[in-house]
Amino acid sequence: MGIKTTPFDVADYLDSPEAVGAYLEEAFATSDTALIALAIGDVARAKGMTAVAKKTGLSRESLYKSLSETGNPELGTILKVMEAIGFSLSPKNQDSTQAA
């Protein structure tokens, strides 16, 4: 008898603000725009894509498409989704010796 497995879905484990924050931080640290969009999509699925769509005013279908592996979301979409999932984007000075 073989081993029974089930597909892994990271959205099943994004069940706290801390988990979501850590997941998004790791995605943003890669600077890979496709991975970042996919990670934001994973969080949106964890929060409930219907609820996120309602909060953003965008359709579920367009969110699934733009936040997929092959999607290319506009900055406006990213900002709306980040707000809907309880996070924001903010600039961070990478050179800590430079005065603001």
C-alpha atoms as a PDB file:
ATOM      1  CA  MET A   1       0.000   0.000   0.000  1.00  0.00           C
ATOM      2  CA  GLY A   2       1.369   3.421  -1.008  1.00  0.00           C
ATOM      3  CA  ILE A   3       1.632   6.540   1.054  1.00  0.00           C
ATOM      4  CA  LYS A   4      -1.305   8.884   0.698  1.00  0.00           C
ATOM      5  CA  THR A   5      -0.332  12.537   0.288  1.00  0.00           C
ATOM      6  CA  THR A   6      -2.274  15.741  -0.106  1.00  0.00           C
ATOM      7  CA  PRO A   7      -1.194  18.869  -1.966  1.00  0.00           C
ATOM      8  CA  PHE A   8       0.574  21.488   0.142  1.00  0.00           C
ATOM      9  CA  ASP A   9      -1.114  24.891   0.257  1.00  0.00           C
ATOM     10  CA  VAL A  10       0.754  27.608   2.124  1.00  0.00           C
ATOM     11  CA  ALA A  11      -2.525  29.519   2.578  1.00  0.00           C
ATOM     12  CA  ASP A  12      -3.547  26.860   5.112  1.00  0.00           C
ATOM     13  CA  TYR A  13      -0.686  28.003   7.374  1.00  0.00           C
ATOM     14  CA  LEU A  14      -1.104  31.773   7.088  1.00  0.00           C
ATOM     15  CA  ASP A  15      -3.379  31.897  10.095  1.00  0.00           C
ATOM     16  CA  SER A  16      -1.922  34.763  12.146  1.00  0.00           C
ATOM     17  CA  PRO A  17      -0.667  38.292  11.477  1.00  0.00           C
ATOM     18  CA  GLU A  18       2.809  37.153  12.510  1.00  0.00           C
ATOM     19  CA  ALA A  19       2.823  34.264  10.021  1.00  0.00           C
ATOM     20  CA  VAL A  20       1.545  36.508   7.240  1.00  0.00           C
ATOM     21  CA  GLY A  21       4.103  39.211   8.065  1.00  0.00           C
ATOM     22  CA  ALA A  22       6.998  36.760   8.071  1.00  0.00           C
ATOM     23  CA  TYR A  23       5.825  35.195   4.806  1.00  0.00           C
ATOM     24  CA  LEU A  24       5.529  38.555   3.058  1.00  0.00           C
ATOM     25  CA  GLU A  25       8.895  39.741   4.438  1.00  0.00           C
ATOM     26  CA  GLU A  26      10.615  36.679   2.997  1.00  0.00           C
ATOM     27  CA  ALA A  27       8.915  37.172  -0.368  1.00  0.00           C
ATOM     28  CA  PHE A  28       9.845  40.872  -0.521  1.00  0.00           C
ATOM     29  CA  ALA A  29      13.440  40.070   0.494  1.00  0.00           C
ATOM     30  CA  THR A  30      13.879  38.144  -2.764  1.00  0.00           C
ATOM     31  CA  SER A  31      13.050  41.208  -4.927  1.00  0.00           C
ATOM     32  CA  ASP A  32      11.413  38.700  -7.308  1.00  0.00           C
ATOM     33  CA  THR A  33       8.272  40.507  -8.472  1.00  0.00           C
ATOM     34  CA  ALA A  34       6.532  37.311  -9.593  1.00  0.00           C
ATOM     35  CA  LEU A  35       7.181  35.660  -6.216  1.00  0.00           C
ATOM     36  CA  ILE A  36       5.984  38.760  -4.363  1.00  0.00           C
ATOM     37  CA  ALA A  37       2.736  38.857  -6.348  1.00  0.00           C
ATOM     38  CA  LEU A  38       2.243  35.125  -5.755  1.00  0.00           C
ATOM     39  CA  ALA A  39       2.860  35.535  -2.008  1.00  0.00           C
ATOM     40  CA  ILE A  40       0.341  38.371  -1.818  1.00  0.00           C
ATOM     41  CA  GLY A  41      -2.095  36.115  -3.665  1.00  0.00           C
ATOM     42  CA  ASP A  42      -1.457  33.315  -1.166  1.00  0.00           C
ATOM     43  CA  VAL A  43      -2.273  35.685   1.689  1.00  0.00           C
ATOM     44  CA  ALA A  44      -5.387  36.921  -0.111  1.00  0.00           C
ATOM     45  CA  ARG A  45      -6.551  33.313  -0.504  1.00  0.00           C
ATOM     46  CA  ALA A  46      -5.862  32.679   3.191  1.00  0.00           C
ATOM     47  CA  LYS A  47      -7.970  35.725   4.120  1.00  0.00           C
ATOM     48  CA  GLY A  48     -10.687  34.755   1.642  1.00  0.00           C
ATOM     49  CA  MET A  49     -10.470  35.976  -1.923  1.00  0.00           C
ATOM     50  CA  THR A  50     -14.143  36.966  -1.969  1.00  0.00           C
ATOM     51  CA  ALA A  51     -13.677  39.214   1.064  1.00  0.00           C
ATOM     52  CA  VAL A  52     -10.483  40.708  -0.387  1.00  0.00           C
ATOM     53  CA  ALA A  53     -12.224  41.345  -3.702  1.00  0.00           C
ATOM     54  CA  LYS A  54     -15.074  43.098  -1.927  1.00  0.00           C
ATOM     55  CA  LYS A  55     -12.681  45.304   0.091  1.00  0.00           C
ATOM     56  CA  THR A  56     -10.643  46.244  -2.988  1.00  0.00           C
ATOM     57  CA  GLY A  57     -13.544  46.731  -5.383  1.00  0.00           C
ATOM     58  CA  LEU A  58     -11.880  44.326  -7.811  1.00  0.00           C
ATOM     59  CA  SER A  59     -13.310  41.066  -9.101  1.00  0.00           C
ATOM     60  CA  ARG A  60     -12.209  37.731  -7.655  1.00  0.00           C
ATOM     61  CA  GLU A  61     -11.303  36.549 -11.141  1.00  0.00           C
ATOM     62  CA  SER A  62      -9.023  39.516 -11.836  1.00  0.00           C
ATOM     63  CA  LEU A  63      -7.339  39.070  -8.447  1.00  0.00           C
ATOM     64  CA  TYR A  64      -6.728  35.359  -9.035  1.00  0.00           C
ATOM     65  CA  LYS A  65      -5.308  36.165 -12.473  1.00  0.00           C
ATOM     66  CA  SER A  66      -3.080  39.085 -11.478  1.00  0.00           C
ATOM     67  CA  LEU A  67      -1.808  37.424  -8.284  1.00  0.00           C
ATOM     68  CA  SER A  68      -0.906  34.136  -9.950  1.00  0.00           C
ATOM     69  CA  GLU A  69       2.490  32.803 -11.049  1.00  0.00           C
ATOM     70  CA  THR A  70       1.971  34.310 -14.496  1.00  0.00           C
ATOM     71  CA  GLY A  71       0.206  37.477 -13.356  1.00  0.00           C
ATOM     72  CA  ASN A  72       1.611  40.967 -13.585  1.00  0.00           C
ATOM     73  CA  PRO A  73      -0.452  43.137 -11.224  1.00  0.00           C
ATOM     74  CA  GLU A  74      -0.420  46.904 -11.400  1.00  0.00           C
ATOM     75  CA  LEU A  75       0.916  48.804  -8.419  1.00  0.00           C
ATOM     76  CA  GLY A  76      -2.596  50.047  -7.667  1.00  0.00           C
ATOM     77  CA  THR A  77      -3.823  46.467  -7.374  1.00  0.00           C
ATOM     78  CA  ILE A  78      -0.975  45.555  -5.031  1.00  0.00           C
ATOM     79  CA  LEU A  79      -1.672  48.581  -2.822  1.00  0.00           C
ATOM     80  CA  LYS A  80      -5.393  47.801  -2.630  1.00  0.00           C
ATOM     81  CA  VAL A  81      -4.801  44.138  -1.802  1.00  0.00           C
ATOM     82  CA  MET A  82      -2.133  44.916   0.794  1.00  0.00           C
ATOM     83  CA  GLU A  83      -4.564  47.274   2.545  1.00  0.00           C
ATOM     84  CA  ALA A  84      -7.364  44.705   2.324  1.00  0.00           C
ATOM     85  CA  ILE A  85      -5.192  42.049   4.000  1.00  0.00           C
ATOM     86  CA  GLY A  86      -4.138  44.433   6.751  1.00  0.00           C
ATOM     87  CA  PHE A  87      -0.655  45.384   5.559  1.00  0.00           C
ATOM     88  CA  SER A  88       0.915  48.308   3.753  1.00  0.00           C
ATOM     89  CA  LEU A  89       3.937  49.104   1.664  1.00  0.00           C
ATOM     90  CA  SER A  90       6.268  51.725   2.988  1.00  0.00           C
ATOM     91  CA  PRO A  91       9.672  52.956   1.879  1.00  0.00           C
ATOM     92  CA  LYS A  92      12.660  51.795   3.870  1.00  0.00           C
ATOM     93  CA  ASN A  93      16.094  53.336   3.571  1.00  0.00           C
ATOM     94  CA  GLN A  94      18.533  50.558   2.706  1.00  0.00           C
ATOM     95  CA  ASP A  95      21.557  52.654   3.636  1.00  0.00           C
ATOM     96  CA  SER A  96      21.311  53.018   7.406  1.00  0.00           C
ATOM     97  CA  THR A  97      24.139  55.579   7.435  1.00  0.00           C
ATOM     98  CA  GLN A  98      22.257  57.955   5.176  1.00  0.00           C
ATOM     99  CA  ALA A  99      20.223  60.609   6.961  1.00  0.00           C
ATOM    100  CA  ALA A 100      16.597  60.997   5.969  1.00  0.00           C
END
